[in-house]
Amino acid sequence: MFGIGGGELFFIILVILMLFGSDKVPEMARAFGKFMAQVKNATNDIKSEINRSAEESGIKKDIEEAMDIDINPIKDIQQEIEKQKEDIEDITGPIKRRN
């Protein structure tokens, strides 16, 4: 969690208890929880506004169409190899040795 280990987290909690006392910690936790809920709601509002604007301007449709393109480099390479094999067989066909 944020690069903080168990020992460090324990030390932080201990310092908070020493500074503010056990009676203030629950109030602080509630306030922090409310703050985090407000931040989450604000980010969700921003996301929905961006999505709505993208839909209205048609950008979202363009992005979805661009993402729907079948891009498969392995398939393209295999097709190219098959074409080269056929070309080589056409060229070497009459030259092949007969056993």
PDB file of N, CA and C in Angstrom:
ATOM      1  N   MET A   1       0.843  -1.173   0.000  1.00  0.00           N
ATOM      2  CA  MET A   1       0.000   0.000   0.000  1.00  0.00           C
ATOM      3  C   MET A   1       0.886   1.234   0.000  1.00  0.00           C
ATOM      4  N   PHE A   2       1.004   1.898  -1.097  1.00  0.00           N
ATOM      5  CA  PHE A   2       1.780   3.121  -1.259  1.00  0.00           C
ATOM      6  C   PHE A   2       3.245   2.926  -0.894  1.00  0.00           C
ATOM      7  N   GLY A   3       3.749   1.718  -0.984  1.00  0.00           N
ATOM      8  CA  GLY A   3       5.142   1.457  -0.680  1.00  0.00           C
ATOM      9  C   GLY A   3       5.459   1.499   0.809  1.00  0.00           C
ATOM     10  N   ILE A   4       4.445   1.336   1.652  1.00  0.00           N
ATOM     11  CA  ILE A   4       4.650   1.374   3.101  1.00  0.00           C
ATOM     12  C   ILE A   4       4.537  -0.053   3.627  1.00  0.00           C
ATOM     13  N   GLY A   5       5.545  -0.495   4.347  1.00  0.00           N
ATOM     14  CA  GLY A   5       5.542  -1.828   4.927  1.00  0.00           C
ATOM     15  C   GLY A   5       4.772  -1.873   6.235  1.00  0.00           C
ATOM     16  N   GLY A   6       4.642  -3.073   6.788  1.00  0.00           N
ATOM     17  CA  GLY A   6       3.896  -3.265   8.032  1.00  0.00           C
ATOM     18  C   GLY A   6       4.502  -2.525   9.206  1.00  0.00           C
ATOM     19  N   GLY A   7       5.811  -2.578   9.331  1.00  0.00           N
ATOM     20  CA  GLY A   7       6.478  -1.892  10.434  1.00  0.00           C
ATOM     21  C   GLY A   7       6.323  -0.378  10.345  1.00  0.00           C
ATOM     22  N   GLU A   8       6.443   0.140   9.147  1.00  0.00           N
ATOM     23  CA  GLU A   8       6.284   1.586   8.961  1.00  0.00           C
ATOM     24  C   GLU A   8       4.857   2.027   9.264  1.00  0.00           C
ATOM     25  N   LEU A   9       3.895   1.228   8.830  1.00  0.00           N
ATOM     26  CA  LEU A   9       2.487   1.544   9.100  1.00  0.00           C
ATOM     27  C   LEU A   9       2.210   1.533  10.605  1.00  0.00           C
ATOM     28  N   PHE A  10       2.754   0.551  11.296  1.00  0.00           N
ATOM     29  CA  PHE A  10       2.588   0.474  12.749  1.00  0.00           C
ATOM     30  C   PHE A  10       3.183   1.713  13.418  1.00  0.00           C
ATOM     31  N   PHE A  11       4.360   2.132  12.958  1.00  0.00           N
ATOM     32  CA  PHE A  11       5.016   3.315  13.526  1.00  0.00           C
ATOM     33  C   PHE A  11       4.171   4.572  13.283  1.00  0.00           C
ATOM     34  N   ILE A  12       3.618   4.720  12.103  1.00  0.00           N
ATOM     35  CA  ILE A  12       2.774   5.877  11.792  1.00  0.00           C
ATOM     36  C   ILE A  12       1.547   5.901  12.690  1.00  0.00           C
ATOM     37  N   ILE A  13       0.907   4.746  12.873  1.00  0.00           N
ATOM     38  CA  ILE A  13      -0.274   4.673  13.744  1.00  0.00           C
ATOM     39  C   ILE A  13       0.104   5.027  15.181  1.00  0.00           C
ATOM     40  N   LEU A  14       1.245   4.533  15.628  1.00  0.00           N
ATOM     41  CA  LEU A  14       1.712   4.833  16.985  1.00  0.00           C
ATOM     42  C   LEU A  14       1.948   6.337  17.166  1.00  0.00           C
ATOM     43  N   VAL A  15       2.563   6.985  16.186  1.00  0.00           N
ATOM     44  CA  VAL A  15       2.821   8.425  16.266  1.00  0.00           C
ATOM     45  C   VAL A  15       1.498   9.198  16.276  1.00  0.00           C
ATOM     46  N   ILE A  16       0.554   8.786  15.456  1.00  0.00           N
ATOM     47  CA  ILE A  16      -0.749   9.460  15.422  1.00  0.00           C
ATOM     48  C   ILE A  16      -1.447   9.335  16.765  1.00  0.00           C
ATOM     49  N   LEU A  17      -1.412   8.140  17.344  1.00  0.00           N
ATOM     50  CA  LEU A  17      -2.031   7.951  18.666  1.00  0.00           C
ATOM     51  C   LEU A  17      -1.364   8.824  19.724  1.00  0.00           C
ATOM     52  N   MET A  18      -0.036   8.939  19.654  1.00  0.00           N
ATOM     53  CA  MET A  18       0.672   9.743  20.645  1.00  0.00           C
ATOM     54  C   MET A  18       0.373  11.237  20.474  1.00  0.00           C
ATOM     55  N   LEU A  19       0.269  11.704  19.230  1.00  0.00           N
ATOM     56  CA  LEU A  19       0.036  13.124  18.981  1.00  0.00           C
ATOM     57  C   LEU A  19      -1.400  13.556  19.274  1.00  0.00           C
ATOM     58  N   PHE A  20      -2.355  12.758  18.850  1.00  0.00           N
ATOM     59  CA  PHE A  20      -3.743  13.187  18.930  1.00  0.00           C
ATOM     60  C   PHE A  20      -4.555  12.486  20.015  1.00  0.00           C
ATOM     61  N   GLY A  21      -4.082  11.384  20.525  1.00  0.00           N
ATOM     62  CA  GLY A  21      -4.815  10.662  21.560  1.00  0.00           C
ATOM     63  C   GLY A  21      -5.851   9.731  20.950  1.00  0.00           C
ATOM     64  N   SER A  22      -6.235   8.744  21.739  1.00  0.00           N
ATOM     65  CA  SER A  22      -7.148   7.722  21.232  1.00  0.00           C
ATOM     66  C   SER A  22      -8.573   8.244  21.042  1.00  0.00           C
ATOM     67  N   ASP A  23      -8.938   9.345  21.710  1.00  0.00           N
ATOM     68  CA  ASP A  23     -10.298   9.867  21.557  1.00  0.00           C
ATOM     69  C   ASP A  23     -10.474  10.646  20.254  1.00  0.00           C
ATOM     70  N   LYS A  24      -9.403  11.235  19.694  1.00  0.00           N
ATOM     71  CA  LYS A  24      -9.494  12.009  18.455  1.00  0.00           C
ATOM     72  C   LYS A  24      -9.322  11.169  17.190  1.00  0.00           C
ATOM     73  N   VAL A  25      -8.704   9.995  17.305  1.00  0.00           N
ATOM     74  CA  VAL A  25      -8.410   9.173  16.125  1.00  0.00           C
ATOM     75  C   VAL A  25      -9.687   8.744  15.391  1.00  0.00           C
ATOM     76  N   PRO A  26     -10.746   8.277  16.064  1.00  0.00           N
ATOM     77  CA  PRO A  26     -11.963   7.902  15.318  1.00  0.00           C
ATOM     78  C   PRO A  26     -12.580   9.082  14.555  1.00  0.00           C
ATOM     79  N   GLU A  27     -12.556  10.270  15.156  1.00  0.00           N
ATOM     80  CA  GLU A  27     -13.072  11.458  14.472  1.00  0.00           C
ATOM     81  C   GLU A  27     -12.247  11.756  13.220  1.00  0.00           C
ATOM     82  N   MET A  28     -10.928  11.639  13.361  1.00  0.00           N
ATOM     83  CA  MET A  28     -10.049  11.889  12.227  1.00  0.00           C
ATOM     84  C   MET A  28     -10.274  10.847  11.131  1.00  0.00           C
ATOM     85  N   ALA A  29     -10.481   9.597  11.529  1.00  0.00           N
ATOM     86  CA  ALA A  29     -10.722   8.535  10.549  1.00  0.00           C
ATOM     87  C   ALA A  29     -12.028   8.791   9.794  1.00  0.00           C
ATOM     88  N   ARG A  30     -13.075   9.225  10.501  1.00  0.00           N
ATOM     89  CA  ARG A  30     -14.348   9.547   9.849  1.00  0.00           C
ATOM     90  C   ARG A  30     -14.180  10.705   8.874  1.00  0.00           C
ATOM     91  N   ALA A  31     -13.466  11.728   9.290  1.00  0.00           N
ATOM     92  CA  ALA A  31     -13.234  12.882   8.418  1.00  0.00           C
ATOM     93  C   ALA A  31     -12.435  12.474   7.182  1.00  0.00           C
ATOM     94  N   PHE A  32     -11.438  11.634   7.379  1.00  0.00           N
ATOM     95  CA  PHE A  32     -10.641  11.152   6.250  1.00  0.00           C
ATOM     96  C   PHE A  32     -11.497  10.317   5.306  1.00  0.00           C
ATOM     97  N   GLY A  33     -12.372   9.468   5.866  1.00  0.00           N
ATOM     98  CA  GLY A  33     -13.275   8.657   5.048  1.00  0.00           C
ATOM     99  C   GLY A  33     -14.221   9.526   4.223  1.00  0.00           C
ATOM    100  N   LYS A  34     -14.768  10.574   4.857  1.00  0.00           N
ATOM    101  CA  LYS A  34     -15.652  11.491   4.128  1.00  0.00           C
ATOM    102  C   LYS A  34     -14.885  12.206   3.015  1.00  0.00           C
ATOM    103  N   PHE A  35     -13.665  12.622   3.324  1.00  0.00           N
ATOM    104  CA  PHE A  35     -12.841  13.283   2.316  1.00  0.00           C
ATOM    105  C   PHE A  35     -12.579  12.363   1.130  1.00  0.00           C
ATOM    106  N   MET A  36     -12.228  11.114   1.405  1.00  0.00           N
ATOM    107  CA  MET A  36     -11.960  10.152   0.327  1.00  0.00           C
ATOM    108  C   MET A  36     -13.220   9.899  -0.503  1.00  0.00           C
ATOM    109  N   ALA A  37     -14.385   9.848   0.143  1.00  0.00           N
ATOM    110  CA  ALA A  37     -15.643   9.667  -0.592  1.00  0.00           C
ATOM    111  C   ALA A  37     -15.905  10.862  -1.509  1.00  0.00           C
ATOM    112  N   GLN A  38     -15.620  12.076  -1.019  1.00  0.00           N
ATOM    113  CA  GLN A  38     -15.799  13.269  -1.847  1.00  0.00           C
ATOM    114  C   GLN A  38     -14.851  13.251  -3.045  1.00  0.00           C
ATOM    115  N   VAL A  39     -13.617  12.826  -2.820  1.00  0.00           N
ATOM    116  CA  VAL A  39     -12.647  12.746  -3.916  1.00  0.00           C
ATOM    117  C   VAL A  39     -13.110  11.721  -4.943  1.00  0.00           C
ATOM    118  N   LYS A  40     -13.588  10.572  -4.477  1.00  0.00           N
ATOM    119  CA  LYS A  40     -14.070   9.530  -5.378  1.00  0.00           C
ATOM    120  C   LYS A  40     -15.259  10.031  -6.188  1.00  0.00           C
ATOM    121  N   ASN A  41     -16.204  10.705  -5.542  1.00  0.00           N
ATOM    122  CA  ASN A  41     -17.365  11.239  -6.255  1.00  0.00           C
ATOM    123  C   ASN A  41     -16.947  12.290  -7.279  1.00  0.00           C
ATOM    124  N   ALA A  42     -16.000  13.123  -6.917  1.00  0.00           N
ATOM    125  CA  ALA A  42     -15.527  14.154  -7.847  1.00  0.00           C
ATOM    126  C   ALA A  42     -14.867  13.522  -9.071  1.00  0.00           C
ATOM    127  N   THR A  43     -14.043  12.513  -8.862  1.00  0.00           N
ATOM    128  CA  THR A  43     -13.394  11.860 -10.004  1.00  0.00           C
ATOM    129  C   THR A  43     -14.420  11.146 -10.872  1.00  0.00           C
ATOM    130  N   ASN A  44     -15.432  10.528 -10.258  1.00  0.00           N
ATOM    131  CA  ASN A  44     -16.486   9.885 -11.047  1.00  0.00           C
ATOM    132  C   ASN A  44     -17.255  10.918 -11.863  1.00  0.00           C
ATOM    133  N   ASP A  45     -17.522  12.091 -11.272  1.00  0.00           N
ATOM    134  CA  ASP A  45     -18.203  13.155 -12.005  1.00  0.00           C
ATOM    135  C   ASP A  45     -17.372  13.630 -13.193  1.00  0.00           C
ATOM    136  N   ILE A  46     -16.076  13.768 -12.976  1.00  0.00           N
ATOM    137  CA  ILE A  46     -15.188  14.205 -14.054  1.00  0.00           C
ATOM    138  C   ILE A  46     -15.162  13.165 -15.166  1.00  0.00           C
ATOM    139  N   LYS A  47     -15.066  11.879 -14.798  1.00  0.00           N
ATOM    140  CA  LYS A  47     -15.063  10.813 -15.799  1.00  0.00           C
ATOM    141  C   LYS A  47     -16.352  10.820 -16.612  1.00  0.00           C
ATOM    142  N   SER A  48     -17.485  10.952 -15.936  1.00  0.00           N
ATOM    143  CA  SER A  48     -18.765  10.938 -16.660  1.00  0.00           C
ATOM    144  C   SER A  48     -18.881  12.159 -17.567  1.00  0.00           C
ATOM    145  N   GLU A  49     -18.379  13.301 -17.127  1.00  0.00           N
ATOM    146  CA  GLU A  49     -18.414  14.507 -17.967  1.00  0.00           C
ATOM    147  C   GLU A  49     -17.537  14.340 -19.204  1.00  0.00           C
ATOM    148  N   ILE A  50     -16.374  13.743 -19.038  1.00  0.00           N
ATOM    149  CA  ILE A  50     -15.487  13.499 -20.178  1.00  0.00           C
ATOM    150  C   ILE A  50     -16.145  12.531 -21.152  1.00  0.00           C
ATOM    151  N   ASN A  51     -16.742  11.455 -20.627  1.00  0.00           N
ATOM    152  CA  ASN A  51     -17.418  10.483 -21.498  1.00  0.00           C
ATOM    153  C   ASN A  51     -18.583  11.128 -22.239  1.00  0.00           C
ATOM    154  N   ARG A  52     -19.360  11.945 -21.543  1.00  0.00           N
ATOM    155  CA  ARG A  52     -20.506  12.605 -22.167  1.00  0.00           C
ATOM    156  C   ARG A  52     -20.041  13.551 -23.273  1.00  0.00           C
ATOM    157  N   SER A  53     -18.994  14.303 -23.004  1.00  0.00           N
ATOM    158  CA  SER A  53     -18.458  15.221 -24.012  1.00  0.00           C
ATOM    159  C   SER A  53     -17.909  14.455 -25.216  1.00  0.00           C
ATOM    160  N   ALA A  54     -17.252  13.334 -24.947  1.00  0.00           N
ATOM    161  CA  ALA A  54     -16.701  12.520 -26.037  1.00  0.00           C
ATOM    162  C   ALA A  54     -17.816  11.940 -26.896  1.00  0.00           C
ATOM    163  N   GLU A  55     -18.907  11.513 -26.271  1.00  0.00           N
ATOM    164  CA  GLU A  55     -20.034  10.978 -27.033  1.00  0.00           C
ATOM    165  C   GLU A  55     -20.683  12.065 -27.877  1.00  0.00           C
ATOM    166  N   GLU A  56     -20.837  13.248 -27.318  1.00  0.00           N
ATOM    167  CA  GLU A  56     -21.465  14.344 -28.047  1.00  0.00           C
ATOM    168  C   GLU A  56     -20.635  14.784 -29.252  1.00  0.00           C
ATOM    169  N   SER A  57     -19.340  14.805 -29.101  1.00  0.00           N
ATOM    170  CA  SER A  57     -18.488  15.275 -30.190  1.00  0.00           C
ATOM    171  C   SER A  57     -18.150  14.167 -31.186  1.00  0.00           C
ATOM    172  N   GLY A  58     -18.483  12.931 -30.870  1.00  0.00           N
ATOM    173  CA  GLY A  58     -18.211  11.820 -31.780  1.00  0.00           C
ATOM    174  C   GLY A  58     -16.836  11.222 -31.627  1.00  0.00           C
ATOM    175  N   ILE A  59     -16.064  11.734 -30.714  1.00  0.00           N
ATOM    176  CA  ILE A  59     -14.709  11.209 -30.501  1.00  0.00           C
ATOM    177  C   ILE A  59     -14.771   9.771 -29.994  1.00  0.00           C
ATOM    178  N   LYS A  60     -15.720   9.501 -29.112  1.00  0.00           N
ATOM    179  CA  LYS A  60     -15.821   8.157 -28.536  1.00  0.00           C
ATOM    180  C   LYS A  60     -16.093   7.125 -29.632  1.00  0.00           C
ATOM    181  N   LYS A  61     -16.962   7.473 -30.577  1.00  0.00           N
ATOM    182  CA  LYS A  61     -17.274   6.555 -31.675  1.00  0.00           C
ATOM    183  C   LYS A  61     -16.028   6.313 -32.522  1.00  0.00           C
ATOM    184  N   ASP A  62     -15.268   7.379 -32.800  1.00  0.00           N
ATOM    185  CA  ASP A  62     -14.046   7.239 -33.583  1.00  0.00           C
ATOM    186  C   ASP A  62     -13.024   6.359 -32.878  1.00  0.00           C
ATOM    187  N   ILE A  63     -12.905   6.528 -31.578  1.00  0.00           N
ATOM    188  CA  ILE A  63     -11.960   5.717 -30.798  1.00  0.00           C
ATOM    189  C   ILE A  63     -12.386   4.259 -30.808  1.00  0.00           C
ATOM    190  N   GLU A  64     -13.686   4.006 -30.617  1.00  0.00           N
ATOM    191  CA  GLU A  64     -14.172   2.625 -30.625  1.00  0.00           C
ATOM    192  C   GLU A  64     -13.944   1.969 -31.978  1.00  0.00           C
ATOM    193  N   GLU A  65     -14.166   2.727 -33.057  1.00  0.00           N
ATOM    194  CA  GLU A  65     -13.917   2.181 -34.392  1.00  0.00           C
ATOM    195  C   GLU A  65     -12.435   1.897 -34.594  1.00  0.00           C
ATOM    196  N   ALA A  66     -11.587   2.784 -34.114  1.00  0.00           N
ATOM    197  CA  ALA A  66     -10.144   2.585 -34.258  1.00  0.00           C
ATOM    198  C   ALA A  66      -9.679   1.384 -33.441  1.00  0.00           C
ATOM    199  N   MET A  67     -10.271   1.184 -32.276  1.00  0.00           N
ATOM    200  CA  MET A  67      -9.884   0.050 -31.435  1.00  0.00           C
ATOM    201  C   MET A  67     -10.416  -1.268 -31.986  1.00  0.00           C
ATOM    202  N   ASP A  68     -11.441  -1.224 -32.829  1.00  0.00           N
ATOM    203  CA  ASP A  68     -12.069  -2.434 -33.355  1.00  0.00           C
ATOM    204  C   ASP A  68     -11.298  -3.004 -34.544  1.00  0.00           C
ATOM    205  N   ILE A  69     -10.331  -2.263 -35.061  1.00  0.00           N
ATOM    206  CA  ILE A  69      -9.556  -2.729 -36.203  1.00  0.00           C
ATOM    207  C   ILE A  69      -8.780  -3.974 -35.795  1.00  0.00           C
ATOM    208  N   ASP A  70      -8.837  -4.990 -36.655  1.00  0.00           N
ATOM    209  CA  ASP A  70      -8.152  -6.251 -36.360  1.00  0.00           C
ATOM    210  C   ASP A  70      -6.677  -6.112 -36.705  1.00  0.00           C
ATOM    211  N   ILE A  71      -5.881  -5.816 -35.694  1.00  0.00           N
ATOM    212  CA  ILE A  71      -4.444  -5.686 -35.882  1.00  0.00           C
ATOM    213  C   ILE A  71      -3.802  -6.932 -35.300  1.00  0.00           C
ATOM    214  N   ASN A  72      -3.269  -7.763 -36.190  1.00  0.00           N
ATOM    215  CA  ASN A  72      -2.635  -8.997 -35.756  1.00  0.00           C
ATOM    216  C   ASN A  72      -1.323  -9.139 -36.518  1.00  0.00           C
ATOM    217  N   PRO A  73      -0.224  -8.672 -35.943  1.00  0.00           N
ATOM    218  CA  PRO A  73       1.046  -8.717 -36.674  1.00  0.00           C
ATOM    219  C   PRO A  73       1.502 -10.135 -36.985  1.00  0.00           C
ATOM    220  N   ILE A  74       1.191 -11.085 -36.127  1.00  0.00           N
ATOM    221  CA  ILE A  74       1.609 -12.470 -36.370  1.00  0.00           C
ATOM    222  C   ILE A  74       0.901 -13.006 -37.606  1.00  0.00           C
ATOM    223  N   LYS A  75      -0.383 -12.711 -37.706  1.00  0.00           N
ATOM    224  CA  LYS A  75      -1.156 -13.158 -38.868  1.00  0.00           C
ATOM    225  C   LYS A  75      -0.601 -12.529 -40.136  1.00  0.00           C
ATOM    226  N   ASP A  76      -0.277 -11.242 -40.075  1.00  0.00           N
ATOM    227  CA  ASP A  76       0.277 -10.553 -41.240  1.00  0.00           C
ATOM    228  C   ASP A  76       1.618 -11.153 -41.650  1.00  0.00           C
ATOM    229  N   ILE A  77       2.460 -11.460 -40.681  1.00  0.00           N
ATOM    230  CA  ILE A  77       3.773 -12.050 -40.971  1.00  0.00           C
ATOM    231  C   ILE A  77       3.606 -13.432 -41.575  1.00  0.00           C
ATOM    232  N   GLN A  78       2.690 -14.235 -41.020  1.00  0.00           N
ATOM    233  CA  GLN A  78       2.469 -15.575 -41.557  1.00  0.00           C
ATOM    234  C   GLN A  78       1.969 -15.520 -42.999  1.00  0.00           C
ATOM    235  N   GLN A  79       1.086 -14.563 -43.294  1.00  0.00           N
ATOM    236  CA  GLN A  79       0.602 -14.421 -44.661  1.00  0.00           C
ATOM    237  C   GLN A  79       1.740 -14.046 -45.602  1.00  0.00           C
ATOM    238  N   GLU A  80       2.594 -13.169 -45.172  1.00  0.00           N
ATOM    239  CA  GLU A  80       3.724 -12.759 -46.000  1.00  0.00           C
ATOM    240  C   GLU A  80       4.681 -13.921 -46.227  1.00  0.00           C
ATOM    241  N   ILE A  81       4.914 -14.722 -45.208  1.00  0.00           N
ATOM    242  CA  ILE A  81       5.789 -15.894 -45.356  1.00  0.00           C
ATOM    243  C   ILE A  81       5.193 -16.883 -46.346  1.00  0.00           C
ATOM    244  N   GLU A  82       3.897 -17.097 -46.250  1.00  0.00           N
ATOM    245  CA  GLU A  82       3.235 -18.016 -47.190  1.00  0.00           C
ATOM    246  C   GLU A  82       3.363 -17.508 -48.622  1.00  0.00           C
ATOM    247  N   LYS A  83       3.214 -16.206 -48.828  1.00  0.00           N
ATOM    248  CA  LYS A  83       3.380 -15.635 -50.174  1.00  0.00           C
ATOM    249  C   LYS A  83       4.793 -15.878 -50.689  1.00  0.00           C
ATOM    250  N   GLN A  84       5.795 -15.680 -49.817  1.00  0.00           N
ATOM    251  CA  GLN A  84       7.183 -15.879 -50.225  1.00  0.00           C
ATOM    252  C   GLN A  84       7.453 -17.346 -50.543  1.00  0.00           C
ATOM    253  N   LYS A  85       6.873 -18.262 -49.758  1.00  0.00           N
ATOM    254  CA  LYS A  85       7.036 -19.694 -50.030  1.00  0.00           C
ATOM    255  C   LYS A  85       6.471 -20.050 -51.399  1.00  0.00           C
ATOM    256  N   GLU A  86       5.289 -19.515 -51.693  1.00  0.00           N
ATOM    257  CA  GLU A  86       4.673 -19.797 -52.992  1.00  0.00           C
ATOM    258  C   GLU A  86       5.532 -19.254 -54.128  1.00  0.00           C
ATOM    259  N   ASP A  87       6.082 -18.052 -53.948  1.00  0.00           N
ATOM    260  CA  ASP A  87       6.945 -17.477 -54.980  1.00  0.00           C
ATOM    261  C   ASP A  87       8.188 -18.336 -55.189  1.00  0.00           C
ATOM    262  N   ILE A  88       8.772 -18.805 -54.101  1.00  0.00           N
ATOM    263  CA  ILE A  88       9.973 -19.644 -54.202  1.00  0.00           C
ATOM    264  C   ILE A  88       9.641 -20.961 -54.881  1.00  0.00           C
ATOM    265  N   GLU A  89       8.501 -21.552 -54.538  1.00  0.00           N
ATOM    266  CA  GLU A  89       8.101 -22.810 -55.168  1.00  0.00           C
ATOM    267  C   GLU A  89       7.828 -22.625 -56.654  1.00  0.00           C
ATOM    268  N   ASP A  90       7.258 -21.472 -57.028  1.00  0.00           N
ATOM    269  CA  ASP A  90       7.023 -21.198 -58.443  1.00  0.00           C
ATOM    270  C   ASP A  90       8.339 -21.090 -59.203  1.00  0.00           C
ATOM    271  N   ILE A  91       9.329 -20.472 -58.587  1.00  0.00           N
ATOM    272  CA  ILE A  91      10.614 -20.280 -59.238  1.00  0.00           C
ATOM    273  C   ILE A  91      11.394 -21.595 -59.305  1.00  0.00           C
ATOM    274  N   THR A  92      11.426 -22.349 -58.205  1.00  0.00           N
ATOM    275  CA  THR A  92      12.242 -23.549 -58.135  1.00  0.00           C
ATOM    276  C   THR A  92      11.500 -24.787 -58.592  1.00  0.00           C
ATOM    277  N   GLY A  93      10.261 -24.696 -58.921  1.00  0.00           N
ATOM    278  CA  GLY A  93       9.475 -25.859 -59.353  1.00  0.00           C
ATOM    279  C   GLY A  93      10.131 -26.642 -60.466  1.00  0.00           C
ATOM    280  N   PRO A  94      10.474 -26.012 -61.582  1.00  0.00           N
ATOM    281  CA  PRO A  94      11.080 -26.766 -62.669  1.00  0.00           C
ATOM    282  C   PRO A  94      12.531 -27.181 -62.399  1.00  0.00           C
ATOM    283  N   ILE A  95      13.167 -26.590 -61.416  1.00  0.00           N
ATOM    284  CA  ILE A  95      14.569 -26.878 -61.137  1.00  0.00           C
ATOM    285  C   ILE A  95      14.738 -28.026 -60.154  1.00  0.00           C
ATOM    286  N   LYS A  96      13.704 -28.377 -59.393  1.00  0.00           N
ATOM    287  CA  LYS A  96      13.815 -29.394 -58.346  1.00  0.00           C
ATOM    288  C   LYS A  96      14.366 -30.697 -58.912  1.00  0.00           C
ATOM    289  N   ARG A  97      15.176 -31.360 -58.107  1.00  0.00           N
ATOM    290  CA  ARG A  97      15.752 -32.653 -58.502  1.00  0.00           C
ATOM    291  C   ARG A  97      14.709 -33.742 -58.357  1.00  0.00           C
ATOM    292  N   ARG A  98      14.814 -34.689 -59.184  1.00  0.00           N
ATOM    293  CA  ARG A  98      13.930 -35.847 -59.088  1.00  0.00           C
ATOM    294  C   ARG A  98      14.750 -37.007 -58.551  1.00  0.00           C
ATOM    295  N   ASN A  99      14.279 -37.690 -57.540  1.00  0.00           N
ATOM    296  CA  ASN A  99      15.006 -38.830 -56.947  1.00  0.00           C
ATOM    297  C   ASN A  99      14.491 -40.122 -57.471  1.00  0.00           C
TER     298      ASN A  99
END
